[in-house]
Amino acid sequence: MIFTNSGICPYCSKAVVFEARQAWLRDHYVCPSCGSIPRERALIWTIEHFFPSWRNLAIHECSAVFRGASSRLRAECRNYTPTQYFTNVSPGKEYKSFRCENIERLTFPDESIDLHVTKDVMEHVFDPASAFREIARTLRPGGAHVFTTPLVNKERNSERRAQLGPDGAVDHLHPAEYHGNPVSDKGSLVTMHWGYDITDFIASSSGLFTTVVYIDQLDAGIRAEYIEVLVTRKPALAGALGPDKSA
């Protein structure tokens, strides 16, 4: 055991003793009650604090799973749509309890979503500019994209690691790196190593501004590597940046 500490889990709201059995806290500092890990607890903490009326909002979660924060959103939000991207299913169709969606070309109508939620997705997208534009297009005024993605480059410039060539083949710019994928044993190829300049990339791609939320709160079981939660907001009124109107 690396360490333990007591606290209240933001996900399951239970008094627990959080425990880390390995040094890589991002994946191994768990709540023994619900099994959540730090980035999931940081994400739900951010949603609760920034959007306390989230249960009544239209929420889309890209690459949703059946555990952690996804389970809570599914159970408590009245208008929650979980999606996965299946290459053999037409976009917008239901398949295995998910709606099939490609985040680079969403089928949702304009201004139909209050909150887009993604957990460690944006580092696997080949065309992140298109993804951020699609998120902006489909957000209602006052809505937001709340997401995690490892900011591994920190103060250094973001770095593209893989891209698609003209023939659709993957062009590896650096040695291939894969993360786990809940719907594929092959894993997900890492296409980007993001830095803090991701906020500039989002602004230039979509015109929206992003807040980086960093939480270090042991009594909530939130401490880990690359723990930032990003909140990209769409103004409540066109051309006006003001307080959030969706909460």
C-alpha atoms as a PDB file:
ATOM      1  CA  MET A   1       0.000   0.000   0.000  1.00  0.00           C
ATOM      2  CA  ILE A   2       1.420   3.396  -1.007  1.00  0.00           C
ATOM      3  CA  PHE A   3      -0.864   5.401   1.279  1.00  0.00           C
ATOM      4  CA  THR A   4      -4.404   5.695   2.617  1.00  0.00           C
ATOM      5  CA  ASN A   5      -6.523   8.566   3.853  1.00  0.00           C
ATOM      6  CA  SER A   6     -10.077   9.068   4.996  1.00  0.00           C
ATOM      7  CA  GLY A   7     -12.586  11.380   3.357  1.00  0.00           C
ATOM      8  CA  ILE A   8     -15.908  11.733   1.555  1.00  0.00           C
ATOM      9  CA  CYS A   9     -16.051  10.444  -2.017  1.00  0.00           C
ATOM     10  CA  PRO A  10     -17.508  13.090  -4.388  1.00  0.00           C
ATOM     11  CA  TYR A  11     -18.909  10.322  -6.577  1.00  0.00           C
ATOM     12  CA  CYS A  12     -20.712   8.017  -4.141  1.00  0.00           C
ATOM     13  CA  SER A  13     -20.960  10.519  -1.221  1.00  0.00           C
ATOM     14  CA  LYS A  14     -19.806   7.884   1.268  1.00  0.00           C
ATOM     15  CA  ALA A  15     -17.296   8.235   4.083  1.00  0.00           C
ATOM     16  CA  VAL A  16     -14.436   5.983   2.995  1.00  0.00           C
ATOM     17  CA  VAL A  17     -10.740   5.324   3.339  1.00  0.00           C
ATOM     18  CA  PHE A  18      -9.210   6.032  -0.056  1.00  0.00           C
ATOM     19  CA  GLU A  19      -6.298   3.759  -0.880  1.00  0.00           C
ATOM     20  CA  ALA A  20      -3.469   3.688  -3.401  1.00  0.00           C
ATOM     21  CA  ARG A  21      -1.726   0.383  -3.990  1.00  0.00           C
ATOM     22  CA  GLN A  22       0.527   1.673  -6.766  1.00  0.00           C
ATOM     23  CA  ALA A  23       2.458   4.900  -7.189  1.00  0.00           C
ATOM     24  CA  TRP A  24       0.593   5.961 -10.378  1.00  0.00           C
ATOM     25  CA  LEU A  25      -2.274   7.634  -8.540  1.00  0.00           C
ATOM     26  CA  ARG A  26      -4.207   8.615 -11.656  1.00  0.00           C
ATOM     27  CA  ASP A  27      -5.351   5.017 -12.157  1.00  0.00           C
ATOM     28  CA  HIS A  28      -4.736   3.404  -8.774  1.00  0.00           C
ATOM     29  CA  TYR A  29      -5.916   5.803  -6.033  1.00  0.00           C
ATOM     30  CA  VAL A  30      -9.372   4.302  -5.612  1.00  0.00           C
ATOM     31  CA  CYS A  31     -12.532   4.640  -3.579  1.00  0.00           C
ATOM     32  CA  PRO A  32     -13.197   1.197  -2.059  1.00  0.00           C
ATOM     33  CA  SER A  33     -16.951   1.834  -2.161  1.00  0.00           C
ATOM     34  CA  CYS A  34     -17.555   2.773  -5.805  1.00  0.00           C
ATOM     35  CA  GLY A  35     -14.178   2.059  -7.416  1.00  0.00           C
ATOM     36  CA  SER A  36     -13.818   5.602  -8.780  1.00  0.00           C
ATOM     37  CA  ILE A  37     -10.370   7.018  -9.539  1.00  0.00           C
ATOM     38  CA  PRO A  38      -9.089  10.594  -9.061  1.00  0.00           C
ATOM     39  CA  ARG A  39      -9.875  12.050 -12.483  1.00  0.00           C
ATOM     40  CA  GLU A  40     -13.448  10.731 -12.267  1.00  0.00           C
ATOM     41  CA  ARG A  41     -13.865  12.290  -8.833  1.00  0.00           C
ATOM     42  CA  ALA A  42     -12.360  15.568 -10.089  1.00  0.00           C
ATOM     43  CA  LEU A  43     -14.752  15.569 -13.053  1.00  0.00           C
ATOM     44  CA  ILE A  44     -17.895  14.980 -10.987  1.00  0.00           C
ATOM     45  CA  TRP A  45     -16.684  17.550  -8.390  1.00  0.00           C
ATOM     46  CA  THR A  46     -16.357  20.113 -11.201  1.00  0.00           C
ATOM     47  CA  ILE A  47     -19.792  19.328 -12.634  1.00  0.00           C
ATOM     48  CA  GLU A  48     -21.394  19.554  -9.187  1.00  0.00           C
ATOM     49  CA  HIS A  49     -19.747  22.910  -8.406  1.00  0.00           C
ATOM     50  CA  PHE A  50     -20.027  24.592 -11.817  1.00  0.00           C
ATOM     51  CA  PHE A  51     -23.377  23.110 -12.915  1.00  0.00           C
ATOM     52  CA  PRO A  52     -25.351  22.131  -9.777  1.00  0.00           C
ATOM     53  CA  SER A  53     -28.550  21.649 -11.819  1.00  0.00           C
ATOM     54  CA  TRP A  54     -26.882  19.047 -14.058  1.00  0.00           C
ATOM     55  CA  ARG A  55     -29.558  16.443 -13.347  1.00  0.00           C
ATOM     56  CA  ASN A  56     -32.030  18.545 -15.332  1.00  0.00           C
ATOM     57  CA  LEU A  57     -29.727  19.283 -18.274  1.00  0.00           C
ATOM     58  CA  ALA A  58     -29.263  17.582 -21.621  1.00  0.00           C
ATOM     59  CA  ILE A  59     -25.919  15.803 -21.222  1.00  0.00           C
ATOM     60  CA  HIS A  60     -23.969  13.960 -23.896  1.00  0.00           C
ATOM     61  CA  GLU A  61     -21.049  11.811 -22.760  1.00  0.00           C
ATOM     62  CA  CYS A  62     -18.649  10.663 -25.463  1.00  0.00           C
ATOM     63  CA  SER A  63     -16.963   7.260 -24.930  1.00  0.00           C
ATOM     64  CA  ALA A  64     -19.095   6.552 -21.883  1.00  0.00           C
ATOM     65  CA  VAL A  65     -18.549   3.441 -19.783  1.00  0.00           C
ATOM     66  CA  PHE A  66     -20.598   1.541 -17.196  1.00  0.00           C
ATOM     67  CA  ARG A  67     -18.677   2.658 -14.102  1.00  0.00           C
ATOM     68  CA  GLY A  68     -17.491   5.703 -12.201  1.00  0.00           C
ATOM     69  CA  ALA A  69     -18.829   9.130 -13.163  1.00  0.00           C
ATOM     70  CA  SER A  70     -20.605   7.676 -16.216  1.00  0.00           C
ATOM     71  CA  SER A  71     -22.764   5.474 -14.007  1.00  0.00           C
ATOM     72  CA  ARG A  72     -23.803   8.415 -11.882  1.00  0.00           C
ATOM     73  CA  LEU A  73     -24.659  10.593 -14.863  1.00  0.00           C
ATOM     74  CA  ARG A  74     -26.656   7.741 -16.387  1.00  0.00           C
ATOM     75  CA  ALA A  75     -28.542   7.079 -13.139  1.00  0.00           C
ATOM     76  CA  GLU A  76     -29.358  10.652 -12.114  1.00  0.00           C
ATOM     77  CA  CYS A  77     -29.605  12.773 -15.273  1.00  0.00           C
ATOM     78  CA  ARG A  78     -33.032  12.678 -16.894  1.00  0.00           C
ATOM     79  CA  ASN A  79     -31.703  13.549 -20.378  1.00  0.00           C
ATOM     80  CA  TYR A  80     -28.385  11.713 -20.610  1.00  0.00           C
ATOM     81  CA  THR A  81     -27.063  10.324 -23.902  1.00  0.00           C
ATOM     82  CA  PRO A  82     -24.030   8.007 -23.771  1.00  0.00           C
ATOM     83  CA  THR A  83     -22.151   7.466 -27.027  1.00  0.00           C
ATOM     84  CA  GLN A  84     -19.355   5.361 -28.476  1.00  0.00           C
ATOM     85  CA  TYR A  85     -17.907   5.386 -31.960  1.00  0.00           C
ATOM     86  CA  PHE A  86     -18.432   2.092 -33.797  1.00  0.00           C
ATOM     87  CA  THR A  87     -16.942   2.000 -37.281  1.00  0.00           C
ATOM     88  CA  ASN A  88     -19.525  -0.557 -38.437  1.00  0.00           C
ATOM     89  CA  VAL A  89     -22.603   1.375 -37.245  1.00  0.00           C
ATOM     90  CA  SER A  90     -24.250   4.377 -38.894  1.00  0.00           C
ATOM     91  CA  PRO A  91     -23.792   7.592 -36.882  1.00  0.00           C
ATOM     92  CA  GLY A  92     -26.834   8.447 -34.802  1.00  0.00           C
ATOM     93  CA  LYS A  93     -27.992   4.825 -34.514  1.00  0.00           C
ATOM     94  CA  GLU A  94     -28.398   2.972 -31.211  1.00  0.00           C
ATOM     95  CA  TYR A  95     -26.053   0.038 -30.621  1.00  0.00           C
ATOM     96  CA  LYS A  96     -25.357  -1.929 -27.425  1.00  0.00           C
ATOM     97  CA  SER A  97     -26.881   0.683 -25.076  1.00  0.00           C
ATOM     98  CA  PHE A  98     -24.999   3.511 -26.792  1.00  0.00           C
ATOM     99  CA  ARG A  99     -25.680   5.950 -29.584  1.00  0.00           C
ATOM    100  CA  CYS A 100     -23.022   5.769 -32.284  1.00  0.00           C
ATOM    101  CA  GLU A 101     -21.290   9.139 -32.694  1.00  0.00           C
ATOM    102  CA  ASN A 102     -18.026  10.355 -34.171  1.00  0.00           C
ATOM    103  CA  ILE A 103     -17.035  13.411 -32.127  1.00  0.00           C
ATOM    104  CA  GLU A 104     -15.467  14.972 -35.227  1.00  0.00           C
ATOM    105  CA  ARG A 105     -18.849  14.857 -37.049  1.00  0.00           C
ATOM    106  CA  LEU A 106     -21.671  14.769 -34.518  1.00  0.00           C
ATOM    107  CA  THR A 107     -25.245  14.121 -35.655  1.00  0.00           C
ATOM    108  CA  PHE A 108     -26.832  16.167 -32.844  1.00  0.00           C
ATOM    109  CA  PRO A 109     -28.752  19.259 -34.009  1.00  0.00           C
ATOM    110  CA  ASP A 110     -27.364  22.752 -33.467  1.00  0.00           C
ATOM    111  CA  GLU A 111     -27.668  24.032 -29.881  1.00  0.00           C
ATOM    112  CA  SER A 112     -29.210  20.815 -28.535  1.00  0.00           C
ATOM    113  CA  ILE A 113     -26.789  19.877 -25.721  1.00  0.00           C
ATOM    114  CA  ASP A 114     -26.237  21.609 -22.367  1.00  0.00           C
ATOM    115  CA  LEU A 115     -23.153  19.662 -21.319  1.00  0.00           C
ATOM    116  CA  HIS A 116     -20.727  17.619 -23.386  1.00  0.00           C
ATOM    117  CA  VAL A 117     -18.632  15.353 -21.137  1.00  0.00           C
ATOM    118  CA  THR A 118     -15.482  13.554 -22.253  1.00  0.00           C
ATOM    119  CA  LYS A 119     -13.033  11.638 -20.078  1.00  0.00           C
ATOM    120  CA  ASP A 120      -9.595  11.150 -21.641  1.00  0.00           C
ATOM    121  CA  VAL A 121     -10.908  11.295 -25.206  1.00  0.00           C
ATOM    122  CA  MET A 122      -9.359  14.372 -26.790  1.00  0.00           C
ATOM    123  CA  GLU A 123      -5.850  12.895 -26.828  1.00  0.00           C
ATOM    124  CA  HIS A 124      -7.121  10.179 -29.212  1.00  0.00           C
ATOM    125  CA  VAL A 125      -8.835  12.356 -31.846  1.00  0.00           C
ATOM    126  CA  PHE A 126      -7.227  12.690 -35.285  1.00  0.00           C
ATOM    127  CA  ASP A 127      -8.935  16.019 -36.044  1.00  0.00           C
ATOM    128  CA  PRO A 128      -9.371  17.770 -32.685  1.00  0.00           C
ATOM    129  CA  ALA A 129     -10.136  21.125 -34.343  1.00  0.00           C
ATOM    130  CA  SER A 130     -13.216  19.587 -35.976  1.00  0.00           C
ATOM    131  CA  ALA A 131     -14.193  17.945 -32.682  1.00  0.00           C
ATOM    132  CA  PHE A 132     -14.030  21.230 -30.769  1.00  0.00           C
ATOM    133  CA  ARG A 133     -16.015  22.982 -33.515  1.00  0.00           C
ATOM    134  CA  GLU A 134     -18.685  20.271 -33.412  1.00  0.00           C
ATOM    135  CA  ILE A 135     -18.915  20.558 -29.642  1.00  0.00           C
ATOM    136  CA  ALA A 136     -19.343  24.334 -29.962  1.00  0.00           C
ATOM    137  CA  ARG A 137     -21.978  23.941 -32.695  1.00  0.00           C
ATOM    138  CA  THR A 138     -24.130  21.576 -30.682  1.00  0.00           C
ATOM    139  CA  LEU A 139     -23.874  23.394 -27.335  1.00  0.00           C
ATOM    140  CA  ARG A 140     -26.793  25.518 -26.262  1.00  0.00           C
ATOM    141  CA  PRO A 141     -25.977  29.089 -25.211  1.00  0.00           C
ATOM    142  CA  GLY A 142     -24.704  28.878 -21.626  1.00  0.00           C
ATOM    143  CA  GLY A 143     -23.646  25.260 -22.114  1.00  0.00           C
ATOM    144  CA  ALA A 144     -20.199  23.769 -21.668  1.00  0.00           C
ATOM    145  CA  HIS A 145     -17.782  20.987 -22.507  1.00  0.00           C
ATOM    146  CA  VAL A 146     -16.429  19.503 -19.263  1.00  0.00           C
ATOM    147  CA  PHE A 147     -13.540  17.147 -19.844  1.00  0.00           C
ATOM    148  CA  THR A 148     -10.294  15.548 -18.805  1.00  0.00           C
ATOM    149  CA  THR A 149      -7.298  14.946 -21.031  1.00  0.00           C
ATOM    150  CA  PRO A 150      -3.709  14.440 -19.846  1.00  0.00           C
ATOM    151  CA  LEU A 151      -1.805  17.720 -20.175  1.00  0.00           C
ATOM    152  CA  VAL A 152       1.474  15.838 -20.353  1.00  0.00           C
ATOM    153  CA  ASN A 153       3.406  18.627 -22.083  1.00  0.00           C
ATOM    154  CA  LYS A 154       2.381  21.200 -19.461  1.00  0.00           C
ATOM    155  CA  GLU A 155       4.179  24.490 -20.324  1.00  0.00           C
ATOM    156  CA  ARG A 156       5.612  23.066 -23.562  1.00  0.00           C
ATOM    157  CA  ASN A 157       3.715  23.286 -26.827  1.00  0.00           C
ATOM    158  CA  SER A 158       1.157  20.607 -27.590  1.00  0.00           C
ATOM    159  CA  GLU A 159       2.549  17.951 -29.911  1.00  0.00           C
ATOM    160  CA  ARG A 160       0.834  15.868 -32.568  1.00  0.00           C
ATOM    161  CA  ARG A 161       1.906  12.226 -32.424  1.00  0.00           C
ATOM    162  CA  ALA A 162      -0.122  10.667 -35.246  1.00  0.00           C
ATOM    163  CA  GLN A 163      -2.200  11.846 -38.182  1.00  0.00           C
ATOM    164  CA  LEU A 164      -4.136  10.434 -41.110  1.00  0.00           C
ATOM    165  CA  GLY A 165      -2.522  10.542 -44.534  1.00  0.00           C
ATOM    166  CA  PRO A 166      -4.374  11.367 -47.790  1.00  0.00           C
ATOM    167  CA  ASP A 167      -5.165   7.662 -48.231  1.00  0.00           C
ATOM    168  CA  GLY A 168      -6.566   7.354 -44.704  1.00  0.00           C
ATOM    169  CA  ALA A 169      -3.564   5.417 -43.394  1.00  0.00           C
ATOM    170  CA  VAL A 170      -2.137   6.376 -40.011  1.00  0.00           C
ATOM    171  CA  ASP A 171       1.088   8.352 -40.208  1.00  0.00           C
ATOM    172  CA  HIS A 172       3.029   7.927 -36.953  1.00  0.00           C
ATOM    173  CA  LEU A 173       5.061  11.038 -36.196  1.00  0.00           C
ATOM    174  CA  HIS A 174       6.420   9.469 -32.989  1.00  0.00           C
ATOM    175  CA  PRO A 175       6.512   5.917 -31.600  1.00  0.00           C
ATOM    176  CA  ALA A 176       2.962   4.602 -31.282  1.00  0.00           C
ATOM    177  CA  GLU A 177       1.358   4.936 -27.853  1.00  0.00           C
ATOM    178  CA  TYR A 178      -1.936   3.318 -26.871  1.00  0.00           C
ATOM    179  CA  HIS A 179      -4.366   3.708 -23.985  1.00  0.00           C
ATOM    180  CA  GLY A 180      -7.157   1.349 -22.957  1.00  0.00           C
ATOM    181  CA  ASN A 181     -10.402   1.391 -24.936  1.00  0.00           C
ATOM    182  CA  PRO A 182     -13.653   0.066 -23.385  1.00  0.00           C
ATOM    183  CA  VAL A 183     -14.995  -1.138 -26.763  1.00  0.00           C
ATOM    184  CA  SER A 184     -11.801  -2.384 -28.432  1.00  0.00           C
ATOM    185  CA  ASP A 185      -9.076  -4.767 -27.326  1.00  0.00           C
ATOM    186  CA  LYS A 186      -6.686  -2.924 -29.652  1.00  0.00           C
ATOM    187  CA  GLY A 187      -6.705   0.135 -27.415  1.00  0.00           C
ATOM    188  CA  SER A 188      -6.851   3.767 -28.544  1.00  0.00           C
ATOM    189  CA  LEU A 189      -3.937   5.372 -30.348  1.00  0.00           C
ATOM    190  CA  VAL A 190      -2.649   8.574 -28.748  1.00  0.00           C
ATOM    191  CA  THR A 191      -2.725  11.283 -31.400  1.00  0.00           C
ATOM    192  CA  MET A 192      -1.884  14.320 -29.248  1.00  0.00           C
ATOM    193  CA  HIS A 193       0.275  15.182 -26.266  1.00  0.00           C
ATOM    194  CA  TRP A 194      -1.522  18.294 -25.041  1.00  0.00           C
ATOM    195  CA  GLY A 195       0.012  21.147 -23.080  1.00  0.00           C
ATOM    196  CA  TYR A 196      -1.584  24.124 -21.360  1.00  0.00           C
ATOM    197  CA  ASP A 197      -1.813  25.769 -24.780  1.00  0.00           C
ATOM    198  CA  ILE A 198      -4.819  23.512 -25.458  1.00  0.00           C
ATOM    199  CA  THR A 199      -6.907  26.498 -24.352  1.00  0.00           C
ATOM    200  CA  ASP A 200      -5.504  28.540 -27.258  1.00  0.00           C
ATOM    201  CA  PHE A 201      -6.146  25.642 -29.643  1.00  0.00           C
ATOM    202  CA  ILE A 202      -9.783  25.416 -28.530  1.00  0.00           C
ATOM    203  CA  ALA A 203     -10.260  29.172 -28.883  1.00  0.00           C
ATOM    204  CA  SER A 204      -8.778  29.252 -32.385  1.00  0.00           C
ATOM    205  CA  SER A 205     -10.814  26.193 -33.426  1.00  0.00           C
ATOM    206  CA  SER A 206     -14.185  27.085 -31.952  1.00  0.00           C
ATOM    207  CA  GLY A 207     -14.105  30.657 -30.668  1.00  0.00           C
ATOM    208  CA  LEU A 208     -14.843  29.467 -27.125  1.00  0.00           C
ATOM    209  CA  PHE A 209     -12.847  30.130 -23.972  1.00  0.00           C
ATOM    210  CA  THR A 210     -11.673  27.444 -21.573  1.00  0.00           C
ATOM    211  CA  THR A 211     -11.000  27.383 -17.835  1.00  0.00           C
ATOM    212  CA  VAL A 212      -8.487  24.882 -16.439  1.00  0.00           C
ATOM    213  CA  VAL A 213      -9.597  23.593 -13.037  1.00  0.00           C
ATOM    214  CA  TYR A 214      -6.888  22.045 -10.857  1.00  0.00           C
ATOM    215  CA  ILE A 215      -8.072  20.307  -7.693  1.00  0.00           C
ATOM    216  CA  ASP A 216      -5.811  18.881  -4.999  1.00  0.00           C
ATOM    217  CA  GLN A 217      -8.087  17.772  -2.177  1.00  0.00           C
ATOM    218  CA  LEU A 218      -7.151  14.649  -0.257  1.00  0.00           C
ATOM    219  CA  ASP A 219     -10.369  14.543   1.770  1.00  0.00           C
ATOM    220  CA  ALA A 220     -12.185  14.152  -1.571  1.00  0.00           C
ATOM    221  CA  GLY A 221      -9.683  11.608  -2.871  1.00  0.00           C
ATOM    222  CA  ILE A 222      -8.485  14.009  -5.556  1.00  0.00           C
ATOM    223  CA  ARG A 223      -4.740  13.936  -6.013  1.00  0.00           C
ATOM    224  CA  ALA A 224      -2.931  12.511  -9.025  1.00  0.00           C
ATOM    225  CA  GLU A 225      -0.851  13.164 -12.083  1.00  0.00           C
ATOM    226  CA  TYR A 226      -2.525  15.150 -14.888  1.00  0.00           C
ATOM    227  CA  ILE A 227      -5.601  15.812 -12.779  1.00  0.00           C
ATOM    228  CA  GLU A 228      -6.812  18.968 -14.558  1.00  0.00           C
ATOM    229  CA  VAL A 229     -10.465  19.298 -15.577  1.00  0.00           C
ATOM    230  CA  LEU A 230     -11.177  21.679 -18.451  1.00  0.00           C
ATOM    231  CA  VAL A 231     -14.407  23.644 -18.825  1.00  0.00           C
ATOM    232  CA  THR A 232     -15.097  25.217 -22.212  1.00  0.00           C
ATOM    233  CA  ARG A 233     -18.146  27.494 -22.070  1.00  0.00           C
ATOM    234  CA  LYS A 234     -20.450  28.805 -24.741  1.00  0.00           C
ATOM    235  CA  PRO A 235     -21.642  32.331 -23.900  1.00  0.00           C
ATOM    236  CA  ALA A 236     -25.200  32.543 -22.641  1.00  0.00           C
ATOM    237  CA  LEU A 237     -25.864  35.352 -25.135  1.00  0.00           C
ATOM    238  CA  ALA A 238     -24.161  35.653 -28.510  1.00  0.00           C
ATOM    239  CA  GLY A 239     -21.177  37.942 -28.219  1.00  0.00           C
ATOM    240  CA  ALA A 240     -21.414  38.259 -24.438  1.00  0.00           C
ATOM    241  CA  LEU A 241     -19.298  36.450 -21.893  1.00  0.00           C
ATOM    242  CA  GLY A 242     -21.151  36.351 -18.616  1.00  0.00           C
ATOM    243  CA  PRO A 243     -21.991  34.063 -15.706  1.00  0.00           C
ATOM    244  CA  ASP A 244     -23.187  30.577 -16.513  1.00  0.00           C
ATOM    245  CA  LYS A 245     -26.963  30.506 -17.150  1.00  0.00           C
ATOM    246  CA  SER A 246     -27.378  26.732 -17.350  1.00  0.00           C
ATOM    247  CA  ALA A 247     -26.787  26.031 -13.645  1.00  0.00           C
END
